[in-house]
Protein backbone atom coordinates (compact mmCIF):
# COMPACT_ATOMS: atom_id res chain seq x y z
CA MET A 1 60.16 52.72 43.81
CA ARG A 2 56.95 54.77 45.23
CA ASP A 3 58.39 57.73 43.43
CA LEU A 4 58.72 55.96 40.29
CA VAL A 5 55.02 54.79 40.13
CA GLN A 6 53.72 58.25 40.69
CA SER A 7 55.90 59.75 38.07
CA MET A 8 54.91 57.20 35.82
CA ASP A 9 51.14 57.27 36.44
CA ASP A 10 50.23 59.71 33.46
CA VAL A 11 52.91 58.49 31.18
CA LEU A 12 52.34 54.87 30.99
CA PRO A 13 48.93 52.84 30.19
CA GLY A 14 47.61 50.78 32.53
CA LYS A 15 48.62 50.82 35.93
CA LEU A 16 51.63 49.95 38.37
CA GLU A 17 51.84 48.69 41.58
CA ILE A 18 54.77 47.75 44.10
CA THR A 19 54.83 43.86 45.36
CA LYS A 20 57.23 42.00 47.20
CA GLU A 21 58.49 40.69 43.85
CA GLY A 22 59.10 44.21 42.58
CA LEU A 23 56.85 46.19 40.08
CA VAL A 24 54.07 45.08 38.32
CA HIS A 25 52.99 46.67 35.17
CA ASP A 26 49.11 45.66 33.85
CA LEU A 27 49.80 46.96 30.43
CA SER A 28 45.92 46.80 29.36
CA SER A 29 43.85 49.92 30.42
CA PRO A 30 40.65 48.52 31.93
CA ASN A 31 37.84 47.99 29.31
CA GLY A 32 34.18 48.82 29.65
CA ARG A 33 33.16 45.42 30.88
CA HIS A 34 35.88 45.48 33.65
CA GLU A 35 34.81 49.05 34.60
CA LEU A 36 30.98 48.08 34.45
CA THR A 37 31.77 45.48 36.90
CA ARG A 38 33.37 47.58 38.99
CA ALA A 39 30.57 50.37 39.14
CA ARG A 40 28.06 47.67 39.66
CA LEU A 41 29.96 45.97 42.57
CA ARG A 42 30.58 49.66 44.18
CA LYS A 43 26.93 50.27 43.78
CA ARG A 44 25.46 46.98 45.25
CA MET A 45 27.97 47.04 48.31
CA GLU A 46 26.96 50.88 48.81
CA LYS A 47 23.14 49.75 48.78
CA VAL A 48 23.53 47.15 51.46
CA MET A 49 26.28 49.26 53.70
CA PRO A 50 25.86 51.74 56.64
CA GLU A 51 25.98 55.40 56.23
CA GLY A 52 29.73 56.34 56.63
CA ILE A 53 31.33 53.24 55.07
CA VAL A 54 32.06 53.32 51.24
CA ALA A 55 33.05 51.56 48.42
CA HIS A 56 35.75 53.50 47.09
CA THR A 57 36.84 52.96 43.42
CA GLY A 58 39.34 55.96 43.06
CA LYS A 59 42.63 57.13 44.14
CA PRO A 60 44.68 57.08 46.56
CA ASP A 61 46.24 53.71 46.60
CA VAL A 62 47.03 51.51 49.71
CA GLU A 63 50.78 51.21 50.88
CA ASP A 64 52.51 49.52 53.70
CA GLU A 65 56.00 51.23 53.43
CA PRO A 66 57.86 48.74 56.05
CA GLU A 67 56.68 45.84 53.70
CA GLY A 68 57.42 47.73 50.49
CA ILE A 69 53.78 47.09 49.21
CA LEU A 70 51.82 49.80 47.29
CA ARG A 71 48.49 48.48 45.61
CA ARG A 72 45.58 49.83 43.93
CA PRO A 73 42.40 47.62 44.58
CA ASP A 74 39.27 48.16 41.97
CA VAL A 75 37.15 48.73 45.34
CA MET A 76 38.20 49.38 48.56
CA VAL A 77 35.65 49.15 51.38
CA ILE A 78 36.58 51.67 53.81
CA ALA A 79 35.20 54.07 56.58
CA GLU A 80 34.91 57.43 55.40
CA ALA A 81 36.64 58.53 58.58
CA ASP A 82 39.31 56.60 57.40
CA MET A 83 39.92 58.26 53.96
CA GLU A 84 40.64 61.66 55.86
CA GLY A 85 44.43 62.72 55.76
CA ASP A 86 46.79 62.80 52.93
CA GLY A 87 48.71 60.47 50.91
CA SER A 88 47.85 56.51 50.87
CA PHE A 89 45.49 54.58 52.65
CA ASP A 90 46.73 52.59 55.29
CA PRO A 91 45.65 49.07 54.17
CA ARG A 92 44.93 48.36 57.81
CA THR A 93 41.97 50.65 57.68
CA LEU A 94 39.94 48.78 54.85
CA ILE A 95 37.52 46.74 55.61
CA ALA A 96 37.67 44.80 52.29
CA ALA A 97 39.43 45.16 48.81
CA ILE A 98 37.64 43.85 45.74
CA GLU A 99 39.43 43.04 42.60
CA VAL A 100 38.08 42.48 38.78
CA ALA A 101 40.68 40.17 37.15
CA SER A 102 42.29 41.16 34.29
CA ASN A 103 42.53 39.14 30.97
CA SER A 104 46.33 40.34 30.83
CA ASN A 105 47.52 39.44 34.04
CA PRO A 106 45.19 37.41 35.99
CA ASP A 107 47.92 36.12 38.34
CA ASN A 108 48.10 39.51 40.07
CA ASP A 109 44.74 39.09 41.05
CA TRP A 110 44.76 35.16 42.05
CA VAL A 111 48.40 34.59 43.22
CA SER A 112 50.34 37.83 44.21
CA LYS A 113 47.24 39.86 45.91
CA VAL A 114 45.92 36.53 47.71
CA ARG A 115 49.77 36.72 49.20
CA ASP A 116 50.35 40.56 49.46
CA TYR A 117 46.71 41.79 50.89
CA PRO A 118 47.12 39.61 54.39
CA LEU A 119 50.62 40.46 54.59
CA ILE A 120 49.34 44.19 54.58
CA GLY A 121 46.70 43.38 57.12
CA ILE A 122 43.48 43.83 54.60
CA PRO A 123 41.04 41.48 56.54
CA VAL A 124 38.77 40.42 53.51
CA TYR A 125 39.81 40.08 49.65
CA ALA A 126 37.32 39.43 47.14
CA VAL A 127 38.01 38.61 43.32
CA PHE A 128 35.82 38.56 40.75
CA ASP A 129 36.79 36.85 37.20
CA PRO A 130 34.92 37.76 34.09
CA ARG A 131 37.20 35.44 32.11
CA THR A 132 35.29 32.60 33.88
CA GLY A 133 32.32 33.66 35.59
CA CYS A 134 33.36 32.86 39.32
CA GLY A 135 35.36 34.29 41.69
CA ALA A 136 36.29 34.01 45.79
CA VAL A 137 36.06 35.67 49.04
CA LEU A 138 38.93 35.46 51.51
CA SER A 139 39.10 36.02 54.86
CA ASP A 140 40.37 35.13 58.10
CA ILE A 141 43.98 35.79 58.22
CA HIS A 142 46.45 33.69 60.05
CA ALA A 143 50.08 33.27 60.68
CA THR A 144 52.02 30.47 58.51
CA PRO A 145 55.46 29.88 58.02
CA ASP A 146 55.51 32.01 54.77
CA GLY A 147 53.84 34.94 56.65
CA PRO A 148 49.98 35.74 57.10
CA ARG A 149 47.64 34.23 54.53
CA TYR A 150 44.20 33.88 54.41
CA ALA A 151 42.87 30.95 56.37
CA THR A 152 39.27 31.01 54.38
CA ARG A 153 38.21 30.71 50.88
CA LYS A 154 34.81 30.87 49.74
CA ASP A 155 34.25 30.17 46.11
CA PHE A 156 31.43 31.56 43.96
CA VAL A 157 30.11 31.29 40.56
CA TYR A 158 28.30 34.60 38.64
CA GLY A 159 24.42 34.29 39.73
CA GLU A 160 24.84 33.51 43.24
CA ASP A 161 24.63 35.93 46.17
CA VAL A 162 28.10 36.45 47.70
CA THR A 163 29.15 37.69 51.26
CA ILE A 164 31.95 40.01 51.52
CA GLY A 165 32.67 41.06 55.05
CA ASP A 166 29.12 41.59 56.77
CA TRP A 167 27.50 42.40 53.59
CA THR A 168 25.81 40.21 51.09
CA ILE A 169 25.23 41.09 47.25
CA SER A 170 23.91 39.45 44.09
CA THR A 171 26.74 38.67 41.46
CA GLU A 172 23.61 38.26 38.65
CA ASP A 173 24.15 40.53 35.29
CA LEU A 174 27.81 40.64 35.92
CA PRO A 175 29.59 41.05 32.34
CA ARG A 176 31.84 38.74 31.31
CA TYR A 177 34.67 39.20 29.01
CA SER A 178 34.59 38.43 25.57
CA ALA A 179 36.04 35.08 24.33
CA ALA A 180 37.93 37.11 21.74
CA ALA A 181 39.57 39.30 24.56
CA THR A 182 40.19 36.14 26.83
CA ALA A 183 42.26 34.59 24.00
CA LYS A 184 44.09 37.85 23.52
CA GLY A 185 44.59 38.22 27.38
CA GLN A 186 42.86 41.47 27.11
CA SER A 187 40.61 43.36 29.42
């Protein structure tokens, strides 16, 4: 499936990811509000993180081959040293993954990634939802009968400060999706 995803990257709009359930195709290309949220989160994180830790927003993706999961977080908090090498990042090297929920497929961020990220060892997962102006930070992976899950969830609303890993940032002035785009399910 990885070869299929790579071959389709420049052909299909949106992005493809591999989950335990199969392929997820987010059809919509991220719009300006999605990208502005991602850019502001990256900048805010990098202002408070020490040298050598970055809030990365590009490629490559993260992949756990034994689990058959390939994901493309909007922002990956990772040590520069762990970015060296070829191919996908090892998800266990991420300090945190940050996602901006899309209008077209919010369950991918709120359900599938809440399941997949602890399974592949990402210790902190933050999701920001421009549809509702709220989000959550999930952490503390623990074993359950259904596999690893996050034990702690801290909800927040835009305007509050939020702590992701060891760093606290403002959520002030993060953009919201328009009511029309939310009604149509567009990012």
